[in-house]
């Protein structure tokens, strides 16, 4: 009997020791994997929001994006102020209070449009810091809701774009349109292969010495001609720079430039004299009396021409009287025959007859 009691007592001690070891192991695992320090006290701070925006208990609390605590409690405040309808209590380590100025602002944020909500505290600039149980002013959730709506609009646009792309892919796979025919129509594919073959044949022809273009590419004679032309052009430019020839002298000889300037000055002087009415040409340009005399003379000449054209006077008769023209033409012809006869036999007209009384 005493032996059995000793055995039972031994098993009890082993069980107690096992439980104690498991408890120590659990505490170690909690300390290693958890973010709670059992040797540090936590304090509560709170803020008021117009809407919880689907924020949940145990959501992270960040200070300028750095996690410092978690949301402990979310409940209605019972206040009538529309900006303070929801009271959110946060739990943070006590040593974090010195890093949160009194003018800091709390807001509900999210890692992305569909991410988990969290409280983000934006650090203020006040010299004093909050204490345990302090209230942190909040930023309204309207901007966050607007961001959610914009995200939903973007998602709807993306979904609509994906549907359109899916329709385009369906049309292409069915062989409709140019791209679809390129994918499924063998005729177009064969035509493309034929065009590529012709291009390859053209490239082979260009690479050979056959054809005009091939000769232009491979025949050195054209290169030599172009090179010779460039050499002659370079030689001509060198002569121009050296002042040789007429064009070179125009470029280099200052005497020609001075003569040209003098000529231009003379032309300017001549134009000035004409404008001033000097000389005959200047008088013609500026003198009203000379201009009237010239007009009168031209009028007389025009009258004479009209009389001649109408057949008045000897010159007019010569122009319009056919009989006078024929007589004059006949006399001229007889005079021509007389002169011809005189040249051929001048003795006939130059006989001298002597007589004695």
Foldseek 3Di string as FASTA:
>chain_A
DVVVVVVVVVVVVVVVVVVVVVVVVVVVVCVVPHPDDPVFDKFKEKEFALDPVPADFQAFEEEVNHTFWTWHDKDAPPDPPSGGGIMIMIIGTQVCQQQAQQQKEWEWDAPDLPGHIHIYIYHDDDPHTDHGHYYHYYDYCPVVVVRNVVVVVVVVVVVVVVVVVVVVVVCLCVQDDPNNCCVPPVVVVVVVVVVVVVVVVVVVCCCDCDDDNVCVVPPCVVVVVVVVVVVVVVVVVVCLCVLPDPNSCVVPPVVVVVVVVVVVVVVVVVVVCLCVLPDPNSCCVPPPVVVVVVVVVVVVVVVVVVCLCVQPDPNSCCVPPPVVVVVVVVVVVVVVVVVVVCVVCVCVVVDDDDDDD
